[in-house]
Amino acid sequence: MYNPEHLRSFLAVSESLSFTRAAATLGIRQPTVSQHIRKLEGEVGRPLLVRDTRTVALTADGEAMARFARTIIAANEAAVGHFTGSELSGRLRFGVTDDLALTPVPKILREFRRLYPQIVLELTISQSLTLQRRVESGHLDAAFVKYPPGEGHGRLVRRDPLVWVAVEDARLDLTRPVPLIVYHAPSISRSRGVQALEHAGIPYRISCTVRGVSGVLAAARAGLGVAIFARSLVPTDLVEVPADVGLPELGETDLVLLTNPHSASDAVEALTSAILSRRDPIRNIAH
């Protein structure tokens, strides 16, 4: 049986790829995190991390352990709550971006409500920057958002490439303005797309401006232009624009869990664990 504290330290390092950030996230000293990792590797009998003075990376066994650790921690917390009778209660204000709301996240929230029926879950769906401000102002306890790489201060769930997306038979002629489907500003994907095109000297026009992902999907499916998605969120009925078309690369985005330190609670930690315990919490958007 692996020590849950060791597993939490390992998960924190695997998510941030930094012993320093992991220690800050867990609220413990960095040497303690290192000690937990050494003990866990000793129990496993295999190296889980490859590290030098600058970088940290997961081994193949480390990738496997990260999946097992999420499941073990979630099961342990559920079991403790059940057998001690210490059911969590109270109010939990959670925010999620609308495109992430169309992934298995709602299913995770439904399972969370089943496990913790005494928690009143309040859900806010909005854009990343709005949710970030609401967490910082104390109006949300936690949020699942997208950030430019390395700019978020929460727990990294995944780093994902941003890609151009359109209907399968789209015909793009870069001698004419590229039709863009974008969110209202402020929007990370909108800013990234416009900046990339301007830097590449490619003309563009805004063909459709929307407030939510449903509008992006409707416009893209109607063939009104190209949209921008994280690669793991590309709908199954749309396709990435081939690289040989000549559109510029968009870089990556971080999918991050933010928490408000002033409203930190067992309920927030339980929801965070529920999301991270899924082997692949972010999959393609459904039709």
C-alpha atoms as a PDB file:
ATOM      1  CA  MET A   1       0.000   0.000   0.000  1.00  0.00           C
ATOM      2  CA  TYR A   2       1.556   3.277  -1.079  1.00  0.00           C
ATOM      3  CA  ASN A   3       1.572   6.207   1.342  1.00  0.00           C
ATOM      4  CA  PRO A   4      -1.027   8.818   0.237  1.00  0.00           C
ATOM      5  CA  GLU A   5       1.288  11.670   1.285  1.00  0.00           C
ATOM      6  CA  HIS A   6       4.030  10.304  -0.952  1.00  0.00           C
ATOM      7  CA  LEU A   7       1.550   9.960  -3.799  1.00  0.00           C
ATOM      8  CA  ARG A   8       0.321  13.553  -3.350  1.00  0.00           C
ATOM      9  CA  SER A   9       3.879  14.862  -3.484  1.00  0.00           C
ATOM     10  CA  PHE A  10       4.592  12.793  -6.576  1.00  0.00           C
ATOM     11  CA  LEU A  11       1.424  14.044  -8.290  1.00  0.00           C
ATOM     12  CA  ALA A  12       2.251  17.652  -7.471  1.00  0.00           C
ATOM     13  CA  VAL A  13       5.695  17.236  -9.037  1.00  0.00           C
ATOM     14  CA  SER A  14       4.317  15.365 -12.060  1.00  0.00           C
ATOM     15  CA  GLU A  15       1.789  18.148 -12.712  1.00  0.00           C
ATOM     16  CA  SER A  16       4.158  21.090 -12.288  1.00  0.00           C
ATOM     17  CA  LEU A  17       7.445  19.384 -13.296  1.00  0.00           C
ATOM     18  CA  SER A  18       9.019  21.396 -10.499  1.00  0.00           C
ATOM     19  CA  PHE A  19       9.895  20.414  -6.927  1.00  0.00           C
ATOM     20  CA  THR A  20       9.728  24.081  -5.896  1.00  0.00           C
ATOM     21  CA  ARG A  21       6.232  24.653  -7.301  1.00  0.00           C
ATOM     22  CA  ALA A  22       5.049  21.307  -5.935  1.00  0.00           C
ATOM     23  CA  ALA A  23       6.190  22.263  -2.436  1.00  0.00           C
ATOM     24  CA  ALA A  24       4.418  25.627  -2.704  1.00  0.00           C
ATOM     25  CA  THR A  25       1.214  23.961  -3.908  1.00  0.00           C
ATOM     26  CA  LEU A  26       1.261  21.431  -1.049  1.00  0.00           C
ATOM     27  CA  GLY A  27       2.357  23.940   1.590  1.00  0.00           C
ATOM     28  CA  ILE A  28       5.386  21.886   2.656  1.00  0.00           C
ATOM     29  CA  ARG A  29       9.171  22.241   2.330  1.00  0.00           C
ATOM     30  CA  GLN A  30      10.970  21.202  -0.843  1.00  0.00           C
ATOM     31  CA  PRO A  31      13.235  18.687   0.969  1.00  0.00           C
ATOM     32  CA  THR A  32      10.085  16.975   2.249  1.00  0.00           C
ATOM     33  CA  VAL A  33       8.778  16.631  -1.306  1.00  0.00           C
ATOM     34  CA  SER A  34      12.122  15.164  -2.396  1.00  0.00           C
ATOM     35  CA  GLN A  35      12.068  12.736   0.518  1.00  0.00           C
ATOM     36  CA  HIS A  36       8.540  11.589  -0.386  1.00  0.00           C
ATOM     37  CA  ILE A  37       9.584  10.969  -3.987  1.00  0.00           C
ATOM     38  CA  ARG A  38      12.658   8.972  -2.930  1.00  0.00           C
ATOM     39  CA  LYS A  39      10.590   6.808  -0.601  1.00  0.00           C
ATOM     40  CA  LEU A  40       7.955   6.196  -3.283  1.00  0.00           C
ATOM     41  CA  GLU A  41      10.606   5.232  -5.827  1.00  0.00           C
ATOM     42  CA  GLY A  42      12.099   2.923  -3.210  1.00  0.00           C
ATOM     43  CA  GLU A  43       8.726   1.246  -2.676  1.00  0.00           C
ATOM     44  CA  VAL A  44       8.138   0.899  -6.416  1.00  0.00           C
ATOM     45  CA  GLY A  45      11.673  -0.226  -7.115  1.00  0.00           C
ATOM     46  CA  ARG A  46      11.877   1.854 -10.293  1.00  0.00           C
ATOM     47  CA  PRO A  47      12.716   5.480 -11.131  1.00  0.00           C
ATOM     48  CA  LEU A  48       9.622   7.606 -11.628  1.00  0.00           C
ATOM     49  CA  LEU A  49      11.306  10.900 -12.475  1.00  0.00           C
ATOM     50  CA  VAL A  50      14.337  11.975 -14.460  1.00  0.00           C
ATOM     51  CA  ARG A  51      15.771  15.205 -13.088  1.00  0.00           C
ATOM     52  CA  ASP A  52      18.827  17.371 -13.388  1.00  0.00           C
ATOM     53  CA  THR A  53      19.646  20.883 -12.178  1.00  0.00           C
ATOM     54  CA  ARG A  54      17.170  22.432 -14.619  1.00  0.00           C
ATOM     55  CA  THR A  55      14.461  20.016 -15.687  1.00  0.00           C
ATOM     56  CA  VAL A  56      12.147  17.336 -14.333  1.00  0.00           C
ATOM     57  CA  ALA A  57      10.470  14.723 -16.530  1.00  0.00           C
ATOM     58  CA  LEU A  58       8.383  11.600 -15.966  1.00  0.00           C
ATOM     59  CA  THR A  59       9.692   8.174 -16.907  1.00  0.00           C
ATOM     60  CA  ALA A  60       7.312   5.688 -18.532  1.00  0.00           C
ATOM     61  CA  ASP A  61       6.780   4.171 -15.072  1.00  0.00           C
ATOM     62  CA  GLY A  62       6.206   7.689 -13.733  1.00  0.00           C
ATOM     63  CA  GLU A  63       3.424   8.241 -16.274  1.00  0.00           C
ATOM     64  CA  ALA A  64       1.807   4.998 -15.144  1.00  0.00           C
ATOM     65  CA  MET A  65       2.207   5.870 -11.468  1.00  0.00           C
ATOM     66  CA  ALA A  66       0.588   9.274 -12.013  1.00  0.00           C
ATOM     67  CA  ARG A  67      -2.542   7.549 -13.328  1.00  0.00           C
ATOM     68  CA  PHE A  68      -2.564   5.042 -10.466  1.00  0.00           C
ATOM     69  CA  ALA A  69      -1.897   7.756  -7.869  1.00  0.00           C
ATOM     70  CA  ARG A  70      -4.913   9.819  -8.912  1.00  0.00           C
ATOM     71  CA  THR A  71      -7.168   6.769  -8.618  1.00  0.00           C
ATOM     72  CA  ILE A  72      -5.675   5.694  -5.263  1.00  0.00           C
ATOM     73  CA  ILE A  73      -5.992   9.161  -3.710  1.00  0.00           C
ATOM     74  CA  ALA A  74      -9.575   9.624  -4.881  1.00  0.00           C
ATOM     75  CA  ALA A  75     -10.568   6.162  -3.605  1.00  0.00           C
ATOM     76  CA  ASN A  76      -8.797   6.752  -0.291  1.00  0.00           C
ATOM     77  CA  GLU A  77     -10.600  10.042   0.302  1.00  0.00           C
ATOM     78  CA  ALA A  78     -13.976   8.534  -0.576  1.00  0.00           C
ATOM     79  CA  ALA A  79     -13.353   5.598   1.762  1.00  0.00           C
ATOM     80  CA  VAL A  80     -12.252   7.817   4.648  1.00  0.00           C
ATOM     81  CA  GLY A  81     -15.323   9.994   4.244  1.00  0.00           C
ATOM     82  CA  HIS A  82     -17.632   6.977   4.143  1.00  0.00           C
ATOM     83  CA  PHE A  83     -16.265   5.048   7.128  1.00  0.00           C
ATOM     84  CA  THR A  84     -15.540   7.963   9.418  1.00  0.00           C
ATOM     85  CA  GLY A  85     -18.921   9.521   8.784  1.00  0.00           C
ATOM     86  CA  SER A  86     -17.181  12.840   8.183  1.00  0.00           C
ATOM     87  CA  GLU A  87     -19.149  13.759   5.078  1.00  0.00           C
ATOM     88  CA  LEU A  88     -18.167  17.083   3.610  1.00  0.00           C
ATOM     89  CA  SER A  89     -20.760  19.809   3.561  1.00  0.00           C
ATOM     90  CA  GLY A  90     -21.089  23.465   2.701  1.00  0.00           C
ATOM     91  CA  ARG A  91     -21.059  25.517  -0.498  1.00  0.00           C
ATOM     92  CA  LEU A  92     -18.559  25.132  -3.343  1.00  0.00           C
ATOM     93  CA  ARG A  93     -18.474  27.764  -6.107  1.00  0.00           C
ATOM     94  CA  PHE A  94     -16.808  26.312  -9.188  1.00  0.00           C
ATOM     95  CA  GLY A  95     -16.150  27.888 -12.578  1.00  0.00           C
ATOM     96  CA  VAL A  96     -15.316  26.284 -15.910  1.00  0.00           C
ATOM     97  CA  THR A  97     -14.812  27.592 -19.426  1.00  0.00           C
ATOM     98  CA  ASP A  98     -17.640  26.739 -21.784  1.00  0.00           C
ATOM     99  CA  ASP A  99     -15.536  24.546 -24.088  1.00  0.00           C
ATOM    100  CA  LEU A 100     -14.299  22.510 -21.117  1.00  0.00           C
ATOM    101  CA  ALA A 101     -17.928  22.231 -19.984  1.00  0.00           C
ATOM    102  CA  LEU A 102     -18.584  20.169 -23.129  1.00  0.00           C
ATOM    103  CA  THR A 103     -15.993  17.552 -22.128  1.00  0.00           C
ATOM    104  CA  PRO A 104     -16.452  14.856 -19.434  1.00  0.00           C
ATOM    105  CA  VAL A 105     -16.136  17.580 -16.753  1.00  0.00           C
ATOM    106  CA  PRO A 106     -19.947  17.617 -16.170  1.00  0.00           C
ATOM    107  CA  LYS A 107     -19.838  13.850 -15.649  1.00  0.00           C
ATOM    108  CA  ILE A 108     -17.077  14.332 -13.088  1.00  0.00           C
ATOM    109  CA  LEU A 109     -19.183  16.961 -11.319  1.00  0.00           C
ATOM    110  CA  ARG A 110     -22.195  14.633 -11.300  1.00  0.00           C
ATOM    111  CA  GLU A 111     -20.105  11.887  -9.678  1.00  0.00           C
ATOM    112  CA  PHE A 112     -18.726  14.421  -7.198  1.00  0.00           C
ATOM    113  CA  ARG A 113     -22.268  15.419  -6.172  1.00  0.00           C
ATOM    114  CA  ARG A 114     -23.148  11.745  -5.722  1.00  0.00           C
ATOM    115  CA  LEU A 115     -20.140  11.185  -3.448  1.00  0.00           C
ATOM    116  CA  TYR A 116     -20.692  14.412  -1.477  1.00  0.00           C
ATOM    117  CA  PRO A 117     -24.439  15.112  -1.428  1.00  0.00           C
ATOM    118  CA  GLN A 118     -24.091  17.574   1.477  1.00  0.00           C
ATOM    119  CA  ILE A 119     -22.038  19.978  -0.661  1.00  0.00           C
ATOM    120  CA  VAL A 120     -24.033  22.624  -2.522  1.00  0.00           C
ATOM    121  CA  LEU A 121     -22.226  22.969  -5.843  1.00  0.00           C
ATOM    122  CA  GLU A 122     -22.677  26.266  -7.695  1.00  0.00           C
ATOM    123  CA  LEU A 123     -21.398  26.254 -11.288  1.00  0.00           C
ATOM    124  CA  THR A 124     -20.328  29.296 -13.317  1.00  0.00           C
ATOM    125  CA  ILE A 125     -19.534  28.948 -17.037  1.00  0.00           C
ATOM    126  CA  SER A 126     -17.564  31.783 -18.598  1.00  0.00           C
ATOM    127  CA  GLN A 127     -14.271  32.666 -20.305  1.00  0.00           C
ATOM    128  CA  SER A 128     -10.905  32.031 -18.676  1.00  0.00           C
ATOM    129  CA  LEU A 129     -10.007  35.645 -17.853  1.00  0.00           C
ATOM    130  CA  THR A 130     -13.415  36.283 -16.300  1.00  0.00           C
ATOM    131  CA  LEU A 131     -13.158  33.144 -14.164  1.00  0.00           C
ATOM    132  CA  GLN A 132      -9.629  34.032 -13.097  1.00  0.00           C
ATOM    133  CA  ARG A 133     -10.804  37.446 -11.878  1.00  0.00           C
ATOM    134  CA  ARG A 134     -13.715  35.870  -9.999  1.00  0.00           C
ATOM    135  CA  VAL A 135     -11.363  33.456  -8.229  1.00  0.00           C
ATOM    136  CA  GLU A 136      -8.996  36.306  -7.324  1.00  0.00           C
ATOM    137  CA  SER A 137     -11.869  38.479  -6.051  1.00  0.00           C
ATOM    138  CA  GLY A 138     -13.240  35.671  -3.890  1.00  0.00           C
ATOM    139  CA  HIS A 139     -16.437  35.124  -5.893  1.00  0.00           C
ATOM    140  CA  LEU A 140     -15.345  31.596  -6.871  1.00  0.00           C
ATOM    141  CA  ASP A 141     -13.614  28.922  -4.812  1.00  0.00           C
ATOM    142  CA  ALA A 142     -12.065  27.127  -7.795  1.00  0.00           C
ATOM    143  CA  ALA A 143     -12.059  27.226 -11.595  1.00  0.00           C
ATOM    144  CA  PHE A 144     -10.895  25.113 -14.519  1.00  0.00           C
ATOM    145  CA  VAL A 145      -9.419  27.478 -17.125  1.00  0.00           C
ATOM    146  CA  LYS A 146      -6.970  27.895 -20.000  1.00  0.00           C
ATOM    147  CA  TYR A 147      -3.767  29.960 -19.733  1.00  0.00           C
ATOM    148  CA  PRO A 148      -0.792  30.773 -21.947  1.00  0.00           C
ATOM    149  CA  PRO A 149       1.994  28.294 -21.042  1.00  0.00           C
ATOM    150  CA  GLY A 150       3.612  29.001 -17.702  1.00  0.00           C
ATOM    151  CA  GLU A 151       1.421  31.993 -16.832  1.00  0.00           C
ATOM    152  CA  GLY A 152      -1.077  30.170 -14.636  1.00  0.00           C
ATOM    153  CA  HIS A 153      -0.607  29.837 -10.890  1.00  0.00           C
ATOM    154  CA  GLY A 154      -2.806  26.798 -10.354  1.00  0.00           C
ATOM    155  CA  ARG A 155      -2.356  23.062 -10.865  1.00  0.00           C
ATOM    156  CA  LEU A 156      -1.482  22.095 -14.418  1.00  0.00           C
ATOM    157  CA  VAL A 157      -3.784  19.408 -15.817  1.00  0.00           C
ATOM    158  CA  ARG A 158      -2.456  19.394 -19.371  1.00  0.00           C
ATOM    159  CA  ARG A 159      -0.358  21.422 -21.788  1.00  0.00           C
ATOM    160  CA  ASP A 160      -1.997  21.297 -25.193  1.00  0.00           C
ATOM    161  CA  PRO A 161      -1.132  22.702 -28.654  1.00  0.00           C
ATOM    162  CA  LEU A 162      -3.538  25.274 -30.100  1.00  0.00           C
ATOM    163  CA  VAL A 163      -4.613  24.402 -33.651  1.00  0.00           C
ATOM    164  CA  TRP A 164      -6.563  25.926 -36.530  1.00  0.00           C
ATOM    165  CA  VAL A 165      -9.837  24.063 -37.112  1.00  0.00           C
ATOM    166  CA  ALA A 166     -12.379  24.074 -39.946  1.00  0.00           C
ATOM    167  CA  VAL A 167     -14.812  21.838 -41.823  1.00  0.00           C
ATOM    168  CA  GLU A 168     -13.145  19.002 -43.705  1.00  0.00           C
ATOM    169  CA  ASP A 169     -13.687  20.457 -47.187  1.00  0.00           C
ATOM    170  CA  ALA A 170     -12.622  24.019 -46.313  1.00  0.00           C
ATOM    171  CA  ARG A 171     -10.638  25.802 -49.020  1.00  0.00           C
ATOM    172  CA  LEU A 172      -8.300  28.508 -47.748  1.00  0.00           C
ATOM    173  CA  ASP A 173      -6.504  30.931 -50.042  1.00  0.00           C
ATOM    174  CA  LEU A 174      -3.879  32.882 -48.101  1.00  0.00           C
ATOM    175  CA  THR A 175      -3.752  35.542 -50.812  1.00  0.00           C
ATOM    176  CA  ARG A 176      -7.160  36.604 -49.529  1.00  0.00           C
ATOM    177  CA  PRO A 177      -8.031  37.529 -45.898  1.00  0.00           C
ATOM    178  CA  VAL A 178      -8.404  34.444 -43.698  1.00  0.00           C
ATOM    179  CA  PRO A 179     -11.953  34.332 -42.235  1.00  0.00           C
ATOM    180  CA  LEU A 180     -11.721  33.971 -38.446  1.00  0.00           C
ATOM    181  CA  ILE A 181     -14.319  32.716 -35.992  1.00  0.00           C
ATOM    182  CA  VAL A 182     -13.436  34.226 -32.623  1.00  0.00           C
ATOM    183  CA  TYR A 183     -14.734  34.910 -29.138  1.00  0.00           C
ATOM    184  CA  HIS A 184     -15.503  38.404 -27.917  1.00  0.00           C
ATOM    185  CA  ALA A 185     -12.436  40.038 -26.370  1.00  0.00           C
ATOM    186  CA  PRO A 186     -10.772  39.395 -24.027  1.00  0.00           C
ATOM    187  CA  SER A 187      -9.995  35.929 -25.372  1.00  0.00           C
ATOM    188  CA  ILE A 188      -6.716  34.009 -25.259  1.00  0.00           C
ATOM    189  CA  SER A 189      -7.388  32.103 -28.500  1.00  0.00           C
ATOM    190  CA  ARG A 190      -8.515  35.254 -30.314  1.00  0.00           C
ATOM    191  CA  SER A 191      -5.397  37.181 -29.269  1.00  0.00           C
ATOM    192  CA  ARG A 192      -3.106  34.281 -30.143  1.00  0.00           C
ATOM    193  CA  GLY A 193      -4.632  33.826 -33.606  1.00  0.00           C
ATOM    194  CA  VAL A 194      -4.594  37.514 -34.524  1.00  0.00           C
ATOM    195  CA  GLN A 195      -1.021  37.986 -33.297  1.00  0.00           C
ATOM    196  CA  ALA A 196       0.209  34.908 -35.193  1.00  0.00           C
ATOM    197  CA  LEU A 197      -1.367  36.047 -38.462  1.00  0.00           C
ATOM    198  CA  GLU A 198      -0.120  39.618 -38.117  1.00  0.00           C
ATOM    199  CA  HIS A 199       3.392  38.406 -37.295  1.00  0.00           C
ATOM    200  CA  ALA A 200       3.323  36.157 -40.386  1.00  0.00           C
ATOM    201  CA  GLY A 201       2.005  38.994 -42.562  1.00  0.00           C
ATOM    202  CA  ILE A 202      -1.141  37.044 -43.475  1.00  0.00           C
ATOM    203  CA  PRO A 203      -4.298  39.142 -43.980  1.00  0.00           C
ATOM    204  CA  TYR A 204      -7.417  38.186 -42.054  1.00  0.00           C
ATOM    205  CA  ARG A 205     -10.974  39.277 -41.366  1.00  0.00           C
ATOM    206  CA  ILE A 206     -13.325  38.510 -38.477  1.00  0.00           C
ATOM    207  CA  SER A 207     -16.127  36.523 -40.095  1.00  0.00           C
ATOM    208  CA  CYS A 208     -17.972  35.710 -36.871  1.00  0.00           C
ATOM    209  CA  THR A 209     -17.741  36.896 -33.259  1.00  0.00           C
ATOM    210  CA  VAL A 210     -19.406  34.755 -30.581  1.00  0.00           C
ATOM    211  CA  ARG A 211     -19.789  34.632 -26.812  1.00  0.00           C
ATOM    212  CA  GLY A 212     -19.667  30.879 -26.318  1.00  0.00           C
ATOM    213  CA  VAL A 213     -18.335  27.645 -27.771  1.00  0.00           C
ATOM    214  CA  SER A 214     -21.757  26.739 -29.176  1.00  0.00           C
ATOM    215  CA  GLY A 215     -21.485  29.755 -31.466  1.00  0.00           C
ATOM    216  CA  VAL A 216     -17.956  28.749 -32.508  1.00  0.00           C
ATOM    217  CA  LEU A 217     -19.147  25.242 -33.345  1.00  0.00           C
ATOM    218  CA  ALA A 218     -22.184  26.477 -35.305  1.00  0.00           C
ATOM    219  CA  ALA A 219     -20.126  28.949 -37.341  1.00  0.00           C
ATOM    220  CA  ALA A 220     -17.320  26.480 -38.045  1.00  0.00           C
ATOM    221  CA  ARG A 221     -19.747  23.731 -39.052  1.00  0.00           C
ATOM    222  CA  ALA A 222     -21.461  26.197 -41.385  1.00  0.00           C
ATOM    223  CA  GLY A 223     -18.121  26.797 -43.105  1.00  0.00           C
ATOM    224  CA  LEU A 224     -17.922  30.477 -42.138  1.00  0.00           C
ATOM    225  CA  GLY A 225     -14.202  30.335 -41.402  1.00  0.00           C
ATOM    226  CA  VAL A 226     -11.486  28.858 -39.234  1.00  0.00           C
ATOM    227  CA  ALA A 227     -11.605  28.598 -35.448  1.00  0.00           C
ATOM    228  CA  ILE A 228      -8.957  27.894 -32.807  1.00  0.00           C
ATOM    229  CA  PHE A 229      -9.121  24.986 -30.352  1.00  0.00           C
ATOM    230  CA  ALA A 230      -6.804  23.193 -27.990  1.00  0.00           C
ATOM    231  CA  ARG A 231      -5.961  19.991 -29.863  1.00  0.00           C
ATOM    232  CA  SER A 232      -7.571  17.726 -27.249  1.00  0.00           C
ATOM    233  CA  LEU A 233     -10.822  19.709 -27.611  1.00  0.00           C
ATOM    234  CA  VAL A 234     -11.204  19.549 -31.396  1.00  0.00           C
ATOM    235  CA  PRO A 235     -14.736  18.348 -32.207  1.00  0.00           C
ATOM    236  CA  THR A 236     -14.905  15.015 -33.997  1.00  0.00           C
ATOM    237  CA  ASP A 237     -16.779  16.493 -36.984  1.00  0.00           C
ATOM    238  CA  LEU A 238     -14.173  19.221 -37.603  1.00  0.00           C
ATOM    239  CA  VAL A 239     -10.527  18.833 -38.632  1.00  0.00           C
ATOM    240  CA  GLU A 240      -7.204  20.537 -38.076  1.00  0.00           C
ATOM    241  CA  VAL A 241      -6.191  22.730 -40.986  1.00  0.00           C
ATOM    242  CA  PRO A 242      -3.214  20.931 -42.626  1.00  0.00           C
ATOM    243  CA  ALA A 243       0.187  22.491 -42.011  1.00  0.00           C
ATOM    244  CA  ASP A 244       0.875  22.756 -45.748  1.00  0.00           C
ATOM    245  CA  VAL A 245      -1.893  25.358 -46.048  1.00  0.00           C
ATOM    246  CA  GLY A 246       0.575  27.786 -44.503  1.00  0.00           C
ATOM    247  CA  LEU A 247      -1.212  29.123 -41.435  1.00  0.00           C
ATOM    248  CA  PRO A 248       1.247  30.018 -38.641  1.00  0.00           C
ATOM    249  CA  GLU A 249       1.739  27.902 -35.537  1.00  0.00           C
ATOM    250  CA  LEU A 250      -0.246  29.054 -32.512  1.00  0.00           C
ATOM    251  CA  GLY A 251       1.857  27.652 -29.681  1.00  0.00           C
ATOM    252  CA  GLU A 252       0.390  25.883 -26.678  1.00  0.00           C
ATOM    253  CA  THR A 253      -2.107  26.499 -23.923  1.00  0.00           C
ATOM    254  CA  ASP A 254      -2.235  25.230 -20.341  1.00  0.00           C
ATOM    255  CA  LEU A 255      -5.384  23.671 -18.904  1.00  0.00           C
ATOM    256  CA  VAL A 256      -5.196  24.689 -15.245  1.00  0.00           C
ATOM    257  CA  LEU A 257      -7.133  24.274 -12.011  1.00  0.00           C
ATOM    258  CA  LEU A 258      -7.213  27.518 -10.014  1.00  0.00           C
ATOM    259  CA  THR A 259      -8.161  27.696  -6.343  1.00  0.00           C
ATOM    260  CA  ASN A 260      -8.771  30.663  -4.083  1.00  0.00           C
ATOM    261  CA  PRO A 261      -6.399  30.305  -1.101  1.00  0.00           C
ATOM    262  CA  HIS A 262      -8.740  32.373   1.067  1.00  0.00           C
ATOM    263  CA  SER A 263     -11.587  29.911   0.539  1.00  0.00           C
ATOM    264  CA  ALA A 264      -9.480  26.747   0.632  1.00  0.00           C
ATOM    265  CA  SER A 265     -11.445  23.864   2.120  1.00  0.00           C
ATOM    266  CA  ASP A 266     -11.717  20.092   2.113  1.00  0.00           C
ATOM    267  CA  ALA A 267     -14.513  20.460  -0.453  1.00  0.00           C
ATOM    268  CA  VAL A 268     -12.206  22.324  -2.862  1.00  0.00           C
ATOM    269  CA  GLU A 269      -9.480  19.715  -2.431  1.00  0.00           C
ATOM    270  CA  ALA A 270     -11.997  16.907  -2.943  1.00  0.00           C
ATOM    271  CA  LEU A 271     -13.207  18.416  -6.225  1.00  0.00           C
ATOM    272  CA  THR A 272      -9.621  19.001  -7.379  1.00  0.00           C
ATOM    273  CA  SER A 273      -8.805  15.363  -6.623  1.00  0.00           C
ATOM    274  CA  ALA A 274     -11.941  14.217  -8.458  1.00  0.00           C
ATOM    275  CA  ILE A 275     -10.879  16.041 -11.631  1.00  0.00           C
ATOM    276  CA  LEU A 276      -7.231  14.980 -11.423  1.00  0.00           C
ATOM    277  CA  SER A 277      -8.151  11.371 -10.618  1.00  0.00           C
ATOM    278  CA  ARG A 278      -9.583  10.869 -14.085  1.00  0.00           C
ATOM    279  CA  ARG A 279      -7.042   9.186 -16.356  1.00  0.00           C
ATOM    280  CA  ASP A 280      -8.006  11.572 -19.187  1.00  0.00           C
ATOM    281  CA  PRO A 281     -10.352  14.298 -17.898  1.00  0.00           C
ATOM    282  CA  ILE A 282     -10.154  16.235 -21.168  1.00  0.00           C
ATOM    283  CA  ARG A 283     -11.310  14.536 -24.334  1.00  0.00           C
ATOM    284  CA  ASN A 284     -12.824  15.634 -27.606  1.00  0.00           C
ATOM    285  CA  ILE A 285     -15.928  17.799 -27.536  1.00  0.00           C
ATOM    286  CA  ALA A 286     -18.994  15.779 -28.390  1.00  0.00           C
ATOM    287  CA  HIS A 287     -21.173  16.485 -31.414  1.00  0.00           C
END
